[in-house]
């Protein structure tokens, strides 16, 4: 199977940092150790961690680099995906991870410290409350999330955090066309432009993978995101 370094090279058309394989190996070892106690992820084999977590996370890199993003917010990061792999691959990124489950947030802090990742922070908070924090609202070049919610709900978490001209990226699998149709109203209300679907291929993963990329073209009304639980209960 293709290595992480080769996968990075194919994505970015350049050599990976020589330290990249070692950092991902440490990340994997720590994830396996913590997962045996805290059940951070259902993916438990080293091979699947490499493909379904690490490579899947890195698949966002070309879009992030194309849009020259320097700051990234990862909503519902879980055990650090996709934010920490993206930070490892591009150390210049300023990365904030938002995770509401304390044990998962604690693991992310541990990994950041273990790998010596600078300009990275973890916030234990619900996405709805975080989106109303003036320190972070409309401050990021890029907001990302995967496997968090249906697209209309996800856009209410992401777009309030994106600056004008920045982008939101939602990682999606099958039925992405239907989700995009369902999210048109939410996208318009929240300040998003046209939604672009970009298929991605993950070596060793047969499941369909897509990135939904949305540029922020106008400010999000102050009322969004709504209070905790409401976006999921009553999607726009």
C-alpha atoms as a PDB file:
ATOM      1  CA  UNK A   1       0.000   0.000   0.000  1.00  0.00           C
ATOM      2  CA  UNK A   2       1.115   3.569  -0.675  1.00  0.00           C
ATOM      3  CA  UNK A   3       2.910   5.256   2.231  1.00  0.00           C
ATOM      4  CA  UNK A   4       1.743   8.468   3.902  1.00  0.00           C
ATOM      5  CA  UNK A   5       4.785  10.311   2.561  1.00  0.00           C
ATOM      6  CA  UNK A   6       4.044   9.155  -0.991  1.00  0.00           C
ATOM      7  CA  UNK A   7       0.377  10.029  -0.588  1.00  0.00           C
ATOM      8  CA  UNK A   8       1.389  13.525   0.548  1.00  0.00           C
ATOM      9  CA  UNK A   9       3.735  13.799  -2.449  1.00  0.00           C
ATOM     10  CA  UNK A  10       0.956  12.813  -4.861  1.00  0.00           C
ATOM     11  CA  UNK A  11      -1.441  15.339  -3.298  1.00  0.00           C
ATOM     12  CA  UNK A  12       0.905  18.291  -3.037  1.00  0.00           C
ATOM     13  CA  UNK A  13       3.338  17.559  -5.882  1.00  0.00           C
ATOM     14  CA  UNK A  14       6.328  17.911  -3.591  1.00  0.00           C
ATOM     15  CA  UNK A  15       8.359  15.944  -1.047  1.00  0.00           C
ATOM     16  CA  UNK A  16       7.044  15.557   2.487  1.00  0.00           C
ATOM     17  CA  UNK A  17       8.922  16.773   5.553  1.00  0.00           C
ATOM     18  CA  UNK A  18      11.323  13.934   6.534  1.00  0.00           C
ATOM     19  CA  UNK A  19       9.841  14.070  10.055  1.00  0.00           C
ATOM     20  CA  UNK A  20       6.304  13.445   8.803  1.00  0.00           C
ATOM     21  CA  UNK A  21       6.325   9.587   8.979  1.00  0.00           C
ATOM     22  CA  UNK A  22       7.733   9.632  12.527  1.00  0.00           C
ATOM     23  CA  UNK A  23       5.114  12.106  13.743  1.00  0.00           C
ATOM     24  CA  UNK A  24       2.277  10.078  12.270  1.00  0.00           C
ATOM     25  CA  UNK A  25       3.736   6.894  13.785  1.00  0.00           C
ATOM     26  CA  UNK A  26       3.739   8.538  17.234  1.00  0.00           C
ATOM     27  CA  UNK A  27       0.199   9.788  16.672  1.00  0.00           C
ATOM     28  CA  UNK A  28      -0.940   6.274  15.743  1.00  0.00           C
ATOM     29  CA  UNK A  29       0.753   4.674  18.751  1.00  0.00           C
ATOM     30  CA  UNK A  30      -0.797   7.170  21.155  1.00  0.00           C
ATOM     31  CA  UNK A  31      -4.228   6.758  19.562  1.00  0.00           C
ATOM     32  CA  UNK A  32      -4.056   2.959  19.930  1.00  0.00           C
ATOM     33  CA  UNK A  33      -2.933   3.250  23.557  1.00  0.00           C
ATOM     34  CA  UNK A  34      -5.613   5.771  24.548  1.00  0.00           C
ATOM     35  CA  UNK A  35      -8.280   3.994  22.540  1.00  0.00           C
ATOM     36  CA  UNK A  36      -7.874   0.845  24.614  1.00  0.00           C
ATOM     37  CA  UNK A  37      -9.027   2.840  27.657  1.00  0.00           C
ATOM     38  CA  UNK A  38     -11.264   5.616  26.389  1.00  0.00           C
ATOM     39  CA  UNK A  39     -12.864   4.380  23.128  1.00  0.00           C
ATOM     40  CA  UNK A  40     -11.908   7.443  21.108  1.00  0.00           C
ATOM     41  CA  UNK A  41     -12.584   5.865  17.704  1.00  0.00           C
ATOM     42  CA  UNK A  42     -14.196   2.729  16.300  1.00  0.00           C
ATOM     43  CA  UNK A  43     -11.276   2.335  13.883  1.00  0.00           C
ATOM     44  CA  UNK A  44      -8.677   0.265  15.717  1.00  0.00           C
ATOM     45  CA  UNK A  45      -6.292  -1.374  13.248  1.00  0.00           C
ATOM     46  CA  UNK A  46      -3.051   0.448  12.320  1.00  0.00           C
ATOM     47  CA  UNK A  47      -3.792   0.014   8.608  1.00  0.00           C
ATOM     48  CA  UNK A  48      -7.255   1.562   8.862  1.00  0.00           C
ATOM     49  CA  UNK A  49      -6.015   4.387  11.077  1.00  0.00           C
ATOM     50  CA  UNK A  50      -3.514   5.262   8.353  1.00  0.00           C
ATOM     51  CA  UNK A  51      -6.063   5.202   5.527  1.00  0.00           C
ATOM     52  CA  UNK A  52      -9.401   6.157   7.101  1.00  0.00           C
ATOM     53  CA  UNK A  53      -8.031   8.741   9.534  1.00  0.00           C
ATOM     54  CA  UNK A  54      -4.664  10.057   8.345  1.00  0.00           C
ATOM     55  CA  UNK A  55      -4.999   9.904   4.544  1.00  0.00           C
ATOM     56  CA  UNK A  56      -8.668  10.872   4.703  1.00  0.00           C
ATOM     57  CA  UNK A  57      -7.669  13.973   6.681  1.00  0.00           C
ATOM     58  CA  UNK A  58      -4.820  14.849   4.325  1.00  0.00           C
ATOM     59  CA  UNK A  59      -7.176  14.714   1.333  1.00  0.00           C
ATOM     60  CA  UNK A  60      -8.186  18.303   2.221  1.00  0.00           C
ATOM     61  CA  UNK A  61      -4.664  19.666   1.712  1.00  0.00           C
ATOM     62  CA  UNK A  62      -4.899  20.568  -2.004  1.00  0.00           C
ATOM     63  CA  UNK A  63      -8.057  22.646  -1.436  1.00  0.00           C
ATOM     64  CA  UNK A  64      -6.581  24.361   1.624  1.00  0.00           C
ATOM     65  CA  UNK A  65      -3.375  25.194  -0.239  1.00  0.00           C
ATOM     66  CA  UNK A  66      -5.244  26.304  -3.360  1.00  0.00           C
ATOM     67  CA  UNK A  67      -7.129  28.863  -1.264  1.00  0.00           C
ATOM     68  CA  UNK A  68      -3.942  29.906   0.569  1.00  0.00           C
ATOM     69  CA  UNK A  69      -5.487  29.287   3.994  1.00  0.00           C
ATOM     70  CA  UNK A  70      -3.274  30.132   6.966  1.00  0.00           C
ATOM     71  CA  UNK A  71      -5.801  29.556   9.768  1.00  0.00           C
ATOM     72  CA  UNK A  72      -8.075  26.552  10.200  1.00  0.00           C
ATOM     73  CA  UNK A  73     -10.873  25.658  12.611  1.00  0.00           C
ATOM     74  CA  UNK A  74     -11.894  22.004  12.975  1.00  0.00           C
ATOM     75  CA  UNK A  75     -15.409  21.503  14.398  1.00  0.00           C
ATOM     76  CA  UNK A  76     -16.178  18.203  16.143  1.00  0.00           C
ATOM     77  CA  UNK A  77     -12.572  17.119  15.895  1.00  0.00           C
ATOM     78  CA  UNK A  78     -12.947  13.894  17.890  1.00  0.00           C
ATOM     79  CA  UNK A  79      -9.498  12.356  18.202  1.00  0.00           C
ATOM     80  CA  UNK A  80      -8.053  15.170  16.077  1.00  0.00           C
ATOM     81  CA  UNK A  81      -9.389  14.538  12.581  1.00  0.00           C
ATOM     82  CA  UNK A  82      -8.876  16.191  10.214  1.00  0.00           C
ATOM     83  CA  UNK A  83      -7.194  19.087  12.057  1.00  0.00           C
ATOM     84  CA  UNK A  84      -4.109  17.452  13.578  1.00  0.00           C
ATOM     85  CA  UNK A  85      -2.992  15.542  10.448  1.00  0.00           C
ATOM     86  CA  UNK A  86      -3.362  18.781   8.476  1.00  0.00           C
ATOM     87  CA  UNK A  87      -1.237  20.605  11.080  1.00  0.00           C
ATOM     88  CA  UNK A  88       1.434  17.877  10.920  1.00  0.00           C
ATOM     89  CA  UNK A  89       1.538  18.113   7.130  1.00  0.00           C
ATOM     90  CA  UNK A  90       1.511  21.932   7.083  1.00  0.00           C
ATOM     91  CA  UNK A  91       3.154  23.286  10.266  1.00  0.00           C
ATOM     92  CA  UNK A  92       2.504  26.878   9.160  1.00  0.00           C
ATOM     93  CA  UNK A  93      -1.248  26.467   9.713  1.00  0.00           C
ATOM     94  CA  UNK A  94      -2.780  28.057  12.810  1.00  0.00           C
ATOM     95  CA  UNK A  95      -5.192  25.330  13.937  1.00  0.00           C
ATOM     96  CA  UNK A  96      -8.005  25.397  16.502  1.00  0.00           C
ATOM     97  CA  UNK A  97      -9.787  22.141  17.358  1.00  0.00           C
ATOM     98  CA  UNK A  98     -13.283  22.279  18.852  1.00  0.00           C
ATOM     99  CA  UNK A  99     -14.489  19.133  20.623  1.00  0.00           C
ATOM    100  CA  UNK A 100     -17.309  18.942  23.168  1.00  0.00           C
ATOM    101  CA  UNK A 101     -16.293  15.566  24.702  1.00  0.00           C
ATOM    102  CA  UNK A 102     -13.592  16.195  27.310  1.00  0.00           C
ATOM    103  CA  UNK A 103     -11.776  12.844  26.965  1.00  0.00           C
ATOM    104  CA  UNK A 104     -11.376  13.433  23.226  1.00  0.00           C
ATOM    105  CA  UNK A 105     -10.306  17.037  23.757  1.00  0.00           C
ATOM    106  CA  UNK A 106      -7.766  15.841  26.351  1.00  0.00           C
ATOM    107  CA  UNK A 107      -6.323  13.386  23.836  1.00  0.00           C
ATOM    108  CA  UNK A 108      -5.965  16.155  21.251  1.00  0.00           C
ATOM    109  CA  UNK A 109      -4.090  18.320  23.775  1.00  0.00           C
ATOM    110  CA  UNK A 110      -1.852  15.348  24.587  1.00  0.00           C
ATOM    111  CA  UNK A 111      -1.004  14.787  20.920  1.00  0.00           C
ATOM    112  CA  UNK A 112      -0.269  18.470  20.325  1.00  0.00           C
ATOM    113  CA  UNK A 113       2.119  18.446  23.278  1.00  0.00           C
ATOM    114  CA  UNK A 114       3.675  15.069  22.407  1.00  0.00           C
ATOM    115  CA  UNK A 115       4.401  16.115  18.816  1.00  0.00           C
ATOM    116  CA  UNK A 116       5.489  19.632  19.771  1.00  0.00           C
ATOM    117  CA  UNK A 117       2.929  21.263  17.480  1.00  0.00           C
ATOM    118  CA  UNK A 118       3.034  25.038  17.850  1.00  0.00           C
ATOM    119  CA  UNK A 119       0.221  27.498  17.158  1.00  0.00           C
ATOM    120  CA  UNK A 120      -2.429  24.845  17.802  1.00  0.00           C
ATOM    121  CA  UNK A 121      -5.104  24.866  20.497  1.00  0.00           C
ATOM    122  CA  UNK A 122      -8.051  22.765  21.666  1.00  0.00           C
ATOM    123  CA  UNK A 123     -11.348  24.177  22.959  1.00  0.00           C
ATOM    124  CA  UNK A 124     -13.867  21.987  24.799  1.00  0.00           C
ATOM    125  CA  UNK A 125     -17.156  23.505  23.667  1.00  0.00           C
ATOM    126  CA  UNK A 126     -20.330  22.833  21.720  1.00  0.00           C
ATOM    127  CA  UNK A 127     -20.179  24.159  18.166  1.00  0.00           C
ATOM    128  CA  UNK A 128     -23.277  26.344  18.590  1.00  0.00           C
ATOM    129  CA  UNK A 129     -21.868  28.180  21.609  1.00  0.00           C
ATOM    130  CA  UNK A 130     -18.404  28.441  20.095  1.00  0.00           C
ATOM    131  CA  UNK A 131     -19.776  30.082  16.950  1.00  0.00           C
ATOM    132  CA  UNK A 132     -21.056  32.999  19.031  1.00  0.00           C
ATOM    133  CA  UNK A 133     -17.663  33.655  20.630  1.00  0.00           C
ATOM    134  CA  UNK A 134     -16.491  37.035  19.303  1.00  0.00           C
ATOM    135  CA  UNK A 135     -12.843  36.020  19.634  1.00  0.00           C
ATOM    136  CA  UNK A 136     -13.290  33.343  16.976  1.00  0.00           C
ATOM    137  CA  UNK A 137     -16.326  34.374  14.951  1.00  0.00           C
ATOM    138  CA  UNK A 138     -15.546  35.115  11.275  1.00  0.00           C
ATOM    139  CA  UNK A 139     -11.799  34.880  11.974  1.00  0.00           C
ATOM    140  CA  UNK A 140     -10.707  31.790  10.031  1.00  0.00           C
ATOM    141  CA  UNK A 141      -9.531  31.275   6.478  1.00  0.00           C
ATOM    142  CA  UNK A 142     -10.954  27.759   6.533  1.00  0.00           C
ATOM    143  CA  UNK A 143     -13.459  25.816   8.665  1.00  0.00           C
ATOM    144  CA  UNK A 144     -13.600  22.021   8.340  1.00  0.00           C
ATOM    145  CA  UNK A 145     -15.575  19.088   9.712  1.00  0.00           C
ATOM    146  CA  UNK A 146     -16.250  15.455   8.957  1.00  0.00           C
ATOM    147  CA  UNK A 147     -18.893  12.974  10.114  1.00  0.00           C
ATOM    148  CA  UNK A 148     -20.485  15.578  12.399  1.00  0.00           C
ATOM    149  CA  UNK A 149     -23.961  16.305  11.000  1.00  0.00           C
ATOM    150  CA  UNK A 150     -26.090  16.627   7.864  1.00  0.00           C
ATOM    151  CA  UNK A 151     -24.881  19.432   5.594  1.00  0.00           C
ATOM    152  CA  UNK A 152     -27.599  22.019   6.437  1.00  0.00           C
ATOM    153  CA  UNK A 153     -26.724  21.629  10.124  1.00  0.00           C
ATOM    154  CA  UNK A 154     -22.990  21.524   9.495  1.00  0.00           C
ATOM    155  CA  UNK A 155     -23.045  24.818   7.589  1.00  0.00           C
ATOM    156  CA  UNK A 156     -24.615  26.523  10.605  1.00  0.00           C
ATOM    157  CA  UNK A 157     -21.630  25.344  12.655  1.00  0.00           C
ATOM    158  CA  UNK A 158     -18.962  26.245  10.075  1.00  0.00           C
ATOM    159  CA  UNK A 159     -19.867  29.375   8.132  1.00  0.00           C
ATOM    160  CA  UNK A 160     -20.211  31.733  11.149  1.00  0.00           C
ATOM    161  CA  UNK A 161     -16.525  31.050  11.868  1.00  0.00           C
ATOM    162  CA  UNK A 162     -15.239  31.783   8.344  1.00  0.00           C
ATOM    163  CA  UNK A 163     -14.007  35.233   7.322  1.00  0.00           C
ATOM    164  CA  UNK A 164     -15.310  36.854   4.144  1.00  0.00           C
ATOM    165  CA  UNK A 165     -13.485  35.248   1.237  1.00  0.00           C
ATOM    166  CA  UNK A 166     -12.603  32.181   3.283  1.00  0.00           C
ATOM    167  CA  UNK A 167     -13.953  28.681   2.778  1.00  0.00           C
ATOM    168  CA  UNK A 168     -15.801  25.912   4.602  1.00  0.00           C
ATOM    169  CA  UNK A 169     -15.038  22.284   3.753  1.00  0.00           C
ATOM    170  CA  UNK A 170     -17.391  19.456   4.718  1.00  0.00           C
ATOM    171  CA  UNK A 171     -16.158  15.884   4.294  1.00  0.00           C
ATOM    172  CA  UNK A 172     -18.982  13.724   2.985  1.00  0.00           C
ATOM    173  CA  UNK A 173     -19.452  10.227   1.573  1.00  0.00           C
ATOM    174  CA  UNK A 174     -22.491   8.972  -0.342  1.00  0.00           C
ATOM    175  CA  UNK A 175     -25.698  10.932  -1.066  1.00  0.00           C
ATOM    176  CA  UNK A 176     -23.678  14.148  -1.220  1.00  0.00           C
ATOM    177  CA  UNK A 177     -25.776  15.515  -4.119  1.00  0.00           C
ATOM    178  CA  UNK A 178     -28.952  15.170  -2.062  1.00  0.00           C
ATOM    179  CA  UNK A 179     -27.324  16.885   0.929  1.00  0.00           C
ATOM    180  CA  UNK A 180     -26.176  19.786  -1.239  1.00  0.00           C
ATOM    181  CA  UNK A 181     -29.728  20.272  -2.522  1.00  0.00           C
ATOM    182  CA  UNK A 182     -31.075  20.182   1.034  1.00  0.00           C
ATOM    183  CA  UNK A 183     -28.455  22.716   2.169  1.00  0.00           C
ATOM    184  CA  UNK A 184     -29.095  25.416  -0.442  1.00  0.00           C
ATOM    185  CA  UNK A 185     -31.281  27.543   1.821  1.00  0.00           C
ATOM    186  CA  UNK A 186     -28.918  27.199   4.790  1.00  0.00           C
ATOM    187  CA  UNK A 187     -25.952  28.136   2.622  1.00  0.00           C
ATOM    188  CA  UNK A 188     -27.643  31.297   1.314  1.00  0.00           C
ATOM    189  CA  UNK A 189     -28.919  32.386   4.745  1.00  0.00           C
ATOM    190  CA  UNK A 190     -25.512  31.873   6.394  1.00  0.00           C
ATOM    191  CA  UNK A 191     -23.504  33.803   3.800  1.00  0.00           C
ATOM    192  CA  UNK A 192     -22.167  30.989   1.645  1.00  0.00           C
ATOM    193  CA  UNK A 193     -21.737  31.041  -2.119  1.00  0.00           C
ATOM    194  CA  UNK A 194     -22.020  28.151  -4.538  1.00  0.00           C
ATOM    195  CA  UNK A 195     -21.315  24.688  -3.133  1.00  0.00           C
ATOM    196  CA  UNK A 196     -18.711  22.730  -5.085  1.00  0.00           C
ATOM    197  CA  UNK A 197     -18.375  18.937  -4.811  1.00  0.00           C
ATOM    198  CA  UNK A 198     -14.831  17.614  -5.189  1.00  0.00           C
ATOM    199  CA  UNK A 199     -14.461  13.801  -5.224  1.00  0.00           C
ATOM    200  CA  UNK A 200     -11.358  12.426  -3.508  1.00  0.00           C
ATOM    201  CA  UNK A 201      -9.715   8.999  -3.634  1.00  0.00           C
ATOM    202  CA  UNK A 202      -8.257   7.420  -0.496  1.00  0.00           C
ATOM    203  CA  UNK A 203      -5.889   4.477  -1.194  1.00  0.00           C
ATOM    204  CA  UNK A 204      -7.324   1.258   0.187  1.00  0.00           C
ATOM    205  CA  UNK A 205     -10.761   2.779   0.870  1.00  0.00           C
ATOM    206  CA  UNK A 206     -13.570   1.710  -1.453  1.00  0.00           C
ATOM    207  CA  UNK A 207     -16.196   3.993   0.073  1.00  0.00           C
ATOM    208  CA  UNK A 208     -17.051   7.142  -1.865  1.00  0.00           C
ATOM    209  CA  UNK A 209     -15.439  10.290  -0.436  1.00  0.00           C
ATOM    210  CA  UNK A 210     -16.267  13.898  -1.354  1.00  0.00           C
ATOM    211  CA  UNK A 211     -15.395  17.376  -0.207  1.00  0.00           C
ATOM    212  CA  UNK A 212     -18.104  20.027  -0.283  1.00  0.00           C
ATOM    213  CA  UNK A 213     -16.339  23.384  -0.616  1.00  0.00           C
ATOM    214  CA  UNK A 214     -18.167  26.675   0.020  1.00  0.00           C
ATOM    215  CA  UNK A 215     -16.742  30.198  -0.198  1.00  0.00           C
ATOM    216  CA  UNK A 216     -18.006  32.780   2.301  1.00  0.00           C
ATOM    217  CA  UNK A 217     -19.375  35.698   0.251  1.00  0.00           C
ATOM    218  CA  UNK A 218     -21.244  37.708   2.909  1.00  0.00           C
ATOM    219  CA  UNK A 219     -21.321  38.028   6.683  1.00  0.00           C
ATOM    220  CA  UNK A 220     -23.391  35.561   8.672  1.00  0.00           C
ATOM    221  CA  UNK A 221     -26.352  37.162  10.498  1.00  0.00           C
ATOM    222  CA  UNK A 222     -25.623  37.510  14.210  1.00  0.00           C
ATOM    223  CA  UNK A 223     -28.438  35.149  15.217  1.00  0.00           C
ATOM    224  CA  UNK A 224     -26.524  32.156  13.788  1.00  0.00           C
ATOM    225  CA  UNK A 225     -25.543  29.682  15.021  1.00  0.00           C
ATOM    226  CA  UNK A 226     -28.689  29.311  17.098  1.00  0.00           C
ATOM    227  CA  UNK A 227     -28.709  27.948  20.634  1.00  0.00           C
ATOM    228  CA  UNK A 228     -27.355  24.498  21.440  1.00  0.00           C
ATOM    229  CA  UNK A 229     -29.424  21.716  19.863  1.00  0.00           C
ATOM    230  CA  UNK A 230     -31.612  23.928  17.690  1.00  0.00           C
ATOM    231  CA  UNK A 231     -29.666  23.621  14.387  1.00  0.00           C
ATOM    232  CA  UNK A 232     -30.027  19.820  14.481  1.00  0.00           C
ATOM    233  CA  UNK A 233     -33.633  19.938  15.674  1.00  0.00           C
ATOM    234  CA  UNK A 234     -34.767  22.563  13.146  1.00  0.00           C
ATOM    235  CA  UNK A 235     -32.302  22.723  10.212  1.00  0.00           C
ATOM    236  CA  UNK A 236     -32.450  25.837   8.070  1.00  0.00           C
END
